[in-house]
PDB file of N, CA and C in Angstrom:
ATOM      1  N   MET A   1      89.869 107.537  79.977  1.00  0.00           N
ATOM      2  CA  MET A   1      89.656 108.765  80.677  1.00  0.00           C
ATOM      3  C   MET A   1      89.356 109.950  79.790  1.00  0.00           C
ATOM      4  N   SER A   2      88.364 110.751  79.965  1.00  0.00           N
ATOM      5  CA  SER A   2      88.125 111.881  79.191  1.00  0.00           C
ATOM      6  C   SER A   2      89.200 112.896  79.388  1.00  0.00           C
ATOM      7  N   SER A   3      89.071 114.014  78.570  1.00  0.00           N
ATOM      8  CA  SER A   3      90.156 115.038  78.653  1.00  0.00           C
ATOM      9  C   SER A   3      89.877 115.848  79.928  1.00  0.00           C
ATOM     10  N   PRO A   4      91.074 116.265  80.483  1.00  0.00           N
ATOM     11  CA  PRO A   4      90.981 117.048  81.775  1.00  0.00           C
ATOM     12  C   PRO A   4      89.913 118.206  81.823  1.00  0.00           C
ATOM     13  N   SER A   5      89.340 118.281  82.943  1.00  0.00           N
ATOM     14  CA  SER A   5      88.454 119.349  83.061  1.00  0.00           C
ATOM     15  C   SER A   5      89.029 120.253  84.221  1.00  0.00           C
ATOM     16  N   GLY A   6      88.303 121.164  84.685  1.00  0.00           N
ATOM     17  CA  GLY A   6      88.615 122.063  85.891  1.00  0.00           C
ATOM     18  C   GLY A   6      89.660 123.027  85.479  1.00  0.00           C
ATOM     19  N   PRO A   7      90.723 123.278  86.378  1.00  0.00           N
ATOM     20  CA  PRO A   7      91.812 124.366  86.142  1.00  0.00           C
ATOM     21  C   PRO A   7      92.538 124.230  84.823  1.00  0.00           C
ATOM     22  N   ILE A   8      92.834 122.870  84.396  1.00  0.00           N
ATOM     23  CA  ILE A   8      93.536 122.807  83.153  1.00  0.00           C
ATOM     24  C   ILE A   8      92.647 123.122  82.069  1.00  0.00           C
ATOM     25  N   ALA A   9      91.426 122.789  81.904  1.00  0.00           N
ATOM     26  CA  ALA A   9      90.633 123.031  80.864  1.00  0.00           C
ATOM     27  C   ALA A   9      90.531 124.712  80.759  1.00  0.00           C
ATOM     28  N   LEU A  10      90.524 125.288  81.902  1.00  0.00           N
ATOM     29  CA  LEU A  10      90.367 126.667  81.863  1.00  0.00           C
ATOM     30  C   LEU A  10      91.657 127.496  81.530  1.00  0.00           C
ATOM     31  N   ASP A  11      92.752 126.879  81.931  1.00  0.00           N
ATOM     32  CA  ASP A  11      94.040 127.530  81.829  1.00  0.00           C
ATOM     33  C   ASP A  11      95.174 126.414  81.758  1.00  0.00           C
ATOM     34  N   ASN A  12      95.567 126.249  80.484  1.00  0.00           N
ATOM     35  CA  ASN A  12      96.552 124.989  80.464  1.00  0.00           C
ATOM     36  C   ASN A  12      98.010 125.378  80.614  1.00  0.00           C
ATOM     37  N   THR A  13      98.285 126.640  81.354  1.00  0.00           N
ATOM     38  CA  THR A  13      99.528 127.059  81.560  1.00  0.00           C
ATOM     39  C   THR A  13      99.758 126.957  83.144  1.00  0.00           C
ATOM     40  N   LEU A  14      98.945 126.356  83.903  1.00  0.00           N
ATOM     41  CA  LEU A  14      99.017 126.049  85.258  1.00  0.00           C
ATOM     42  C   LEU A  14      99.898 124.879  85.674  1.00  0.00           C
ATOM     43  N   ALA A  15     101.250 125.088  85.916  1.00  0.00           N
ATOM     44  CA  ALA A  15     101.977 123.978  86.195  1.00  0.00           C
ATOM     45  C   ALA A  15     101.567 123.158  87.391  1.00  0.00           C
ATOM     46  N   ASP A  16     101.080 123.855  88.510  1.00  0.00           N
ATOM     47  CA  ASP A  16     100.607 123.031  89.655  1.00  0.00           C
ATOM     48  C   ASP A  16      99.530 122.204  89.312  1.00  0.00           C
ATOM     49  N   ALA A  17      98.575 122.500  88.387  1.00  0.00           N
ATOM     50  CA  ALA A  17      97.387 121.669  87.974  1.00  0.00           C
ATOM     51  C   ALA A  17      98.029 120.377  87.362  1.00  0.00           C
ATOM     52  N   TYR A  18      99.041 120.529  86.626  1.00  0.00           N
ATOM     53  CA  TYR A  18      99.608 119.243  85.923  1.00  0.00           C
ATOM     54  C   TYR A  18     100.314 118.362  86.932  1.00  0.00           C
ATOM     55  N   ARG A  19     100.947 119.017  87.934  1.00  0.00           N
ATOM     56  CA  ARG A  19     101.572 118.307  88.982  1.00  0.00           C
ATOM     57  C   ARG A  19     100.522 117.402  89.792  1.00  0.00           C
ATOM     58  N   LEU A  20      99.339 118.260  90.000  1.00  0.00           N
ATOM     59  CA  LEU A  20      98.195 117.474  90.729  1.00  0.00           C
ATOM     60  C   LEU A  20      97.669 116.424  90.069  1.00  0.00           C
ATOM     61  N   LEU A  21      97.392 116.537  88.692  1.00  0.00           N
ATOM     62  CA  LEU A  21      96.867 115.608  87.802  1.00  0.00           C
ATOM     63  C   LEU A  21      97.876 114.361  87.699  1.00  0.00           C
ATOM     64  N   GLY A  22      99.081 114.643  87.866  1.00  0.00           N
ATOM     65  CA  GLY A  22     100.126 113.567  87.826  1.00  0.00           C
ATOM     66  C   GLY A  22      99.875 112.705  89.052  1.00  0.00           C
ATOM     67  N   GLN A  23      99.695 113.396  90.205  1.00  0.00           N
ATOM     68  CA  GLN A  23      99.482 112.678  91.354  1.00  0.00           C
ATOM     69  C   GLN A  23      98.264 111.810  91.423  1.00  0.00           C
ATOM     70  N   VAL A  24      97.193 112.253  90.760  1.00  0.00           N
ATOM     71  CA  VAL A  24      96.021 111.352  90.423  1.00  0.00           C
ATOM     72  C   VAL A  24      96.278 110.061  89.712  1.00  0.00           C
ATOM     73  N   TYR A  25      97.089 110.464  88.706  1.00  0.00           N
ATOM     74  CA  TYR A  25      97.577 109.309  87.804  1.00  0.00           C
ATOM     75  C   TYR A  25      98.461 108.339  88.681  1.00  0.00           C
ATOM     76  N   LEU A  26      99.208 108.733  89.505  1.00  0.00           N
ATOM     77  CA  LEU A  26     100.123 107.964  90.306  1.00  0.00           C
ATOM     78  C   LEU A  26      99.279 107.095  91.255  1.00  0.00           C
ATOM     79  N   TRP A  27      98.196 107.752  91.833  1.00  0.00           N
ATOM     80  CA  TRP A  27      97.304 106.931  92.795  1.00  0.00           C
ATOM     81  C   TRP A  27      96.486 105.810  92.070  1.00  0.00           C
ATOM     82  N   GLU A  28      96.436 106.209  90.752  1.00  0.00           N
ATOM     83  CA  GLU A  28      95.729 105.050  89.784  1.00  0.00           C
ATOM     84  C   GLU A  28      96.653 104.244  89.171  1.00  0.00           C
ATOM     85  N   LYS A  29      98.012 104.263  89.637  1.00  0.00           N
ATOM     86  CA  LYS A  29      98.994 103.404  89.240  1.00  0.00           C
ATOM     87  C   LYS A  29      99.331 103.556  87.687  1.00  0.00           C
ATOM     88  N   ALA A  30      98.970 104.614  87.230  1.00  0.00           N
ATOM     89  CA  ALA A  30      99.250 104.879  85.762  1.00  0.00           C
ATOM     90  C   ALA A  30     100.491 105.821  85.701  1.00  0.00           C
ATOM     91  N   HIS A  31     101.582 105.140  85.933  1.00  0.00           N
ATOM     92  CA  HIS A  31     103.012 105.851  85.993  1.00  0.00           C
ATOM     93  C   HIS A  31     103.391 106.555  84.837  1.00  0.00           C
ATOM     94  N   ASP A  32     103.060 106.027  83.566  1.00  0.00           N
ATOM     95  CA  ASP A  32     103.515 106.604  82.382  1.00  0.00           C
ATOM     96  C   ASP A  32     102.685 108.041  82.280  1.00  0.00           C
ATOM     97  N   ARG A  33     101.351 107.941  82.592  1.00  0.00           N
ATOM     98  CA  ARG A  33     100.767 109.285  82.536  1.00  0.00           C
ATOM     99  C   ARG A  33     101.214 110.200  83.549  1.00  0.00           C
ATOM    100  N   ALA A  34     101.502 109.710  84.698  1.00  0.00           N
ATOM    101  CA  ALA A  34     102.035 110.594  85.801  1.00  0.00           C
ATOM    102  C   ALA A  34     103.244 111.334  85.371  1.00  0.00           C
ATOM    103  N   ILE A  35     104.183 110.618  84.728  1.00  0.00           N
ATOM    104  CA  ILE A  35     105.339 111.276  84.225  1.00  0.00           C
ATOM    105  C   ILE A  35     105.127 112.362  83.173  1.00  0.00           C
ATOM    106  N   VAL A  36     104.225 111.933  82.267  1.00  0.00           N
ATOM    107  CA  VAL A  36     103.872 112.999  81.221  1.00  0.00           C
ATOM    108  C   VAL A  36     103.413 114.272  81.782  1.00  0.00           C
ATOM    109  N   GLN A  37     102.623 114.193  82.853  1.00  0.00           N
ATOM    110  CA  GLN A  37     102.172 115.340  83.531  1.00  0.00           C
ATOM    111  C   GLN A  37     103.167 116.129  84.306  1.00  0.00           C
ATOM    112  N   ALA A  38     104.232 115.384  84.933  1.00  0.00           N
ATOM    113  CA  ALA A  38     105.403 116.036  85.564  1.00  0.00           C
ATOM    114  C   ALA A  38     106.137 116.737  84.701  1.00  0.00           C
ATOM    115  N   GLU A  39     106.419 116.166  83.514  1.00  0.00           N
ATOM    116  CA  GLU A  39     107.099 116.672  82.551  1.00  0.00           C
ATOM    117  C   GLU A  39     106.500 118.089  81.910  1.00  0.00           C
ATOM    118  N   ARG A  40     105.266 117.992  81.765  1.00  0.00           N
ATOM    119  CA  ARG A  40     104.443 119.190  81.397  1.00  0.00           C
ATOM    120  C   ARG A  40     104.574 120.273  82.461  1.00  0.00           C
ATOM    121  N   ALA A  41     104.554 120.005  83.604  1.00  0.00           N
ATOM    122  CA  ALA A  41     104.703 121.090  84.731  1.00  0.00           C
ATOM    123  C   ALA A  41     106.126 121.587  84.828  1.00  0.00           C
ATOM    124  N   VAL A  42     107.105 120.781  84.494  1.00  0.00           N
ATOM    125  CA  VAL A  42     108.535 121.313  84.458  1.00  0.00           C
ATOM    126  C   VAL A  42     108.617 122.185  83.162  1.00  0.00           C
ATOM    127  N   ALA A  43     108.049 121.776  82.013  1.00  0.00           N
ATOM    128  CA  ALA A  43     108.168 122.560  80.775  1.00  0.00           C
ATOM    129  C   ALA A  43     107.618 123.931  81.080  1.00  0.00           C
ATOM    130  N   LEU A  44     106.469 124.068  81.761  1.00  0.00           N
ATOM    131  CA  LEU A  44     105.721 125.283  81.964  1.00  0.00           C
ATOM    132  C   LEU A  44     106.374 126.125  83.073  1.00  0.00           C
ATOM    133  N   ALA A  45     107.091 125.559  84.070  1.00  0.00           N
ATOM    134  CA  ALA A  45     107.696 126.296  85.063  1.00  0.00           C
ATOM    135  C   ALA A  45     108.972 125.735  85.337  1.00  0.00           C
ATOM    136  N   PRO A  46     110.046 125.993  84.483  1.00  0.00           N
ATOM    137  CA  PRO A  46     111.498 125.333  84.525  1.00  0.00           C
ATOM    138  C   PRO A  46     112.230 125.821  85.694  1.00  0.00           C
ATOM    139  N   ASN A  47     111.836 126.881  86.398  1.00  0.00           N
ATOM    140  CA  ASN A  47     112.574 127.359  87.632  1.00  0.00           C
ATOM    141  C   ASN A  47     111.859 126.866  88.971  1.00  0.00           C
ATOM    142  N   ASP A  48     110.786 126.069  88.827  1.00  0.00           N
ATOM    143  CA  ASP A  48     109.960 125.643  90.038  1.00  0.00           C
ATOM    144  C   ASP A  48     110.636 124.335  90.552  1.00  0.00           C
ATOM    145  N   ALA A  49     111.143 124.483  91.780  1.00  0.00           N
ATOM    146  CA  ALA A  49     111.851 123.243  92.359  1.00  0.00           C
ATOM    147  C   ALA A  49     110.870 122.130  92.522  1.00  0.00           C
ATOM    148  N   ASP A  50     109.650 122.583  92.932  1.00  0.00           N
ATOM    149  CA  ASP A  50     108.577 121.522  93.182  1.00  0.00           C
ATOM    150  C   ASP A  50     108.355 120.739  92.099  1.00  0.00           C
ATOM    151  N   GLY A  51     108.220 121.204  90.732  1.00  0.00           N
ATOM    152  CA  GLY A  51     108.147 120.474  89.492  1.00  0.00           C
ATOM    153  C   GLY A  51     109.177 119.431  89.432  1.00  0.00           C
ATOM    154  N   TYR A  52     110.444 119.672  89.521  1.00  0.00           N
ATOM    155  CA  TYR A  52     111.423 118.665  89.524  1.00  0.00           C
ATOM    156  C   TYR A  52     111.449 117.680  90.772  1.00  0.00           C
ATOM    157  N   GLU A  53     111.026 118.092  91.852  1.00  0.00           N
ATOM    158  CA  GLU A  53     110.797 117.071  92.910  1.00  0.00           C
ATOM    159  C   GLU A  53     109.744 116.015  92.570  1.00  0.00           C
ATOM    160  N   THR A  54     108.685 116.648  92.013  1.00  0.00           N
ATOM    161  CA  THR A  54     107.644 115.792  91.391  1.00  0.00           C
ATOM    162  C   THR A  54     108.026 114.846  90.483  1.00  0.00           C
ATOM    163  N   LEU A  55     108.805 115.340  89.404  1.00  0.00           N
ATOM    164  CA  LEU A  55     109.319 114.404  88.446  1.00  0.00           C
ATOM    165  C   LEU A  55     110.251 113.602  88.905  1.00  0.00           C
ATOM    166  N   ALA A  56     111.146 113.700  89.886  1.00  0.00           N
ATOM    167  CA  ALA A  56     111.932 112.777  90.662  1.00  0.00           C
ATOM    168  C   ALA A  56     111.089 111.667  91.364  1.00  0.00           C
ATOM    169  N   LYS A  57     110.099 111.983  92.063  1.00  0.00           N
ATOM    170  CA  LYS A  57     109.265 111.182  92.769  1.00  0.00           C
ATOM    171  C   LYS A  57     108.686 110.113  91.675  1.00  0.00           C
ATOM    172  N   TYR A  58     108.119 110.480  90.662  1.00  0.00           N
ATOM    173  CA  TYR A  58     107.468 109.749  89.622  1.00  0.00           C
ATOM    174  C   TYR A  58     108.484 108.860  88.994  1.00  0.00           C
ATOM    175  N   SER A  59     109.717 109.438  88.638  1.00  0.00           N
ATOM    176  CA  SER A  59     110.722 108.572  88.101  1.00  0.00           C
ATOM    177  C   SER A  59     111.312 107.510  88.901  1.00  0.00           C
ATOM    178  N   ALA A  60     111.308 107.710  90.305  1.00  0.00           N
ATOM    179  CA  ALA A  60     111.670 106.665  91.129  1.00  0.00           C
ATOM    180  C   ALA A  60     110.674 105.601  91.140  1.00  0.00           C
ATOM    181  N   GLY A  61     109.545 106.132  91.126  1.00  0.00           N
ATOM    182  CA  GLY A  61     108.284 105.033  91.074  1.00  0.00           C
ATOM    183  C   GLY A  61     108.296 104.129  89.820  1.00  0.00           C
ATOM    184  N   ARG A  62     108.954 104.591  88.783  1.00  0.00           N
ATOM    185  CA  ARG A  62     109.061 103.827  87.624  1.00  0.00           C
ATOM    186  C   ARG A  62     110.443 103.149  87.545  1.00  0.00           C
ATOM    187  N   ALA A  63     111.158 103.112  88.515  1.00  0.00           N
ATOM    188  CA  ALA A  63     112.382 102.569  88.524  1.00  0.00           C
ATOM    189  C   ALA A  63     113.451 103.098  87.593  1.00  0.00           C
ATOM    190  N   GLU A  64     113.449 104.443  87.593  1.00  0.00           N
ATOM    191  CA  GLU A  64     114.351 105.172  86.721  1.00  0.00           C
ATOM    192  C   GLU A  64     115.168 106.045  87.717  1.00  0.00           C
ATOM    193  N   PRO A  65     116.233 105.333  88.436  1.00  0.00           N
ATOM    194  CA  PRO A  65     117.026 106.127  89.441  1.00  0.00           C
ATOM    195  C   PRO A  65     117.833 107.202  88.939  1.00  0.00           C
ATOM    196  N   ARG A  66     118.447 107.055  87.717  1.00  0.00           N
ATOM    197  CA  ARG A  66     119.404 108.168  87.279  1.00  0.00           C
ATOM    198  C   ARG A  66     118.350 109.425  87.106  1.00  0.00           C
ATOM    199  N   ARG A  67     117.406 109.177  86.396  1.00  0.00           N
ATOM    200  CA  ARG A  67     116.496 110.358  86.061  1.00  0.00           C
ATOM    201  C   ARG A  67     116.086 110.950  87.463  1.00  0.00           C
ATOM    202  N   ALA A  68     115.666 110.221  88.384  1.00  0.00           N
ATOM    203  CA  ALA A  68     115.142 110.653  89.655  1.00  0.00           C
ATOM    204  C   ALA A  68     116.302 111.405  90.422  1.00  0.00           C
ATOM    205  N   PHE A  69     117.437 110.875  90.365  1.00  0.00           N
ATOM    206  CA  PHE A  69     118.571 111.530  91.175  1.00  0.00           C
ATOM    207  C   PHE A  69     118.898 112.901  90.591  1.00  0.00           C
ATOM    208  N   GLY A  70     118.973 112.904  89.075  1.00  0.00           N
ATOM    209  CA  GLY A  70     119.193 114.096  88.388  1.00  0.00           C
ATOM    210  C   GLY A  70     118.005 115.181  88.611  1.00  0.00           C
ATOM    211  N   SER A  71     116.801 114.862  88.725  1.00  0.00           N
ATOM    212  CA  SER A  71     115.720 115.773  88.894  1.00  0.00           C
ATOM    213  C   SER A  71     115.760 116.320  90.378  1.00  0.00           C
ATOM    214  N   ILE A  72     116.115 115.433  91.241  1.00  0.00           N
ATOM    215  CA  ILE A  72     116.069 115.856  92.722  1.00  0.00           C
ATOM    216  C   ILE A  72     117.138 116.830  92.915  1.00  0.00           C
ATOM    217  N   ARG A  73     118.320 116.445  92.257  1.00  0.00           N
ATOM    218  CA  ARG A  73     119.609 117.477  92.401  1.00  0.00           C
ATOM    219  C   ARG A  73     119.365 118.882  91.801  1.00  0.00           C
ATOM    220  N   HIS A  74     118.487 118.788  90.694  1.00  0.00           N
ATOM    221  CA  HIS A  74     118.260 120.079  90.092  1.00  0.00           C
ATOM    222  C   HIS A  74     117.140 120.782  90.912  1.00  0.00           C
ATOM    223  N   ALA A  75     116.334 120.083  91.594  1.00  0.00           N
ATOM    224  CA  ALA A  75     115.309 120.765  92.446  1.00  0.00           C
ATOM    225  C   ALA A  75     116.130 121.371  93.735  1.00  0.00           C
ATOM    226  N   MET A  76     117.025 120.705  94.145  1.00  0.00           N
ATOM    227  CA  MET A  76     117.802 121.220  95.248  1.00  0.00           C
ATOM    228  C   MET A  76     118.753 122.409  94.959  1.00  0.00           C
ATOM    229  N   ARG A  77     119.136 122.516  93.706  1.00  0.00           N
ATOM    230  CA  ARG A  77     119.960 123.691  93.228  1.00  0.00           C
ATOM    231  C   ARG A  77     118.964 124.848  93.019  1.00  0.00           C
ATOM    232  N   LEU A  78     117.641 124.561  92.641  1.00  0.00           N
ATOM    233  CA  LEU A  78     116.721 125.658  92.439  1.00  0.00           C
ATOM    234  C   LEU A  78     116.309 126.290  93.870  1.00  0.00           C
ATOM    235  N   ASN A  79     116.220 125.326  94.873  1.00  0.00           N
ATOM    236  CA  ASN A  79     115.760 125.778  96.106  1.00  0.00           C
ATOM    237  C   ASN A  79     116.687 125.166  97.122  1.00  0.00           C
ATOM    238  N   PRO A  80     117.834 125.882  97.495  1.00  0.00           N
ATOM    239  CA  PRO A  80     118.736 125.492  98.433  1.00  0.00           C
ATOM    240  C   PRO A  80     118.320 125.290  99.835  1.00  0.00           C
ATOM    241  N   ARG A  81     117.020 125.781 100.211  1.00  0.00           N
ATOM    242  CA  ARG A  81     116.510 125.489 101.459  1.00  0.00           C
ATOM    243  C   ARG A  81     115.368 124.444 101.361  1.00  0.00           C
ATOM    244  N   TYR A  82     115.681 123.318 100.704  1.00  0.00           N
ATOM    245  CA  TYR A  82     114.810 122.328 100.504  1.00  0.00           C
ATOM    246  C   TYR A  82     114.270 121.582 101.760  1.00  0.00           C
ATOM    247  N   PRO A  83     113.179 121.111 101.727  1.00  0.00           N
ATOM    248  CA  PRO A  83     112.703 120.386 102.949  1.00  0.00           C
ATOM    249  C   PRO A  83     113.399 119.022 103.162  1.00  0.00           C
ATOM    250  N   PHE A  84     113.358 118.474 104.245  1.00  0.00           N
ATOM    251  CA  PHE A  84     114.159 117.280 104.578  1.00  0.00           C
ATOM    252  C   PHE A  84     113.752 116.043 103.681  1.00  0.00           C
ATOM    253  N   PHE A  85     112.505 115.982 103.299  1.00  0.00           N
ATOM    254  CA  PHE A  85     112.037 114.906 102.478  1.00  0.00           C
ATOM    255  C   PHE A  85     112.538 114.912 101.076  1.00  0.00           C
TER     256      PHE A  85
END
């Protein structure tokens, strides 16, 4: 795959763009790449609960339950009004 285009090419500080790119990689079953993108999103926006939720989801998909559980607990601390899912 070529280097990312679109929002990431224009501004590589957009955490949401990395989360979305991770979702694309997840659909392609490229779990390792999805995790890398989620980690970038968390690094760019460490106080964003959605980034940790995304990292938890991708970690669970790679059968990393400890990491997934830790990430989702962190997301819940950042956003105490978290959605049911």
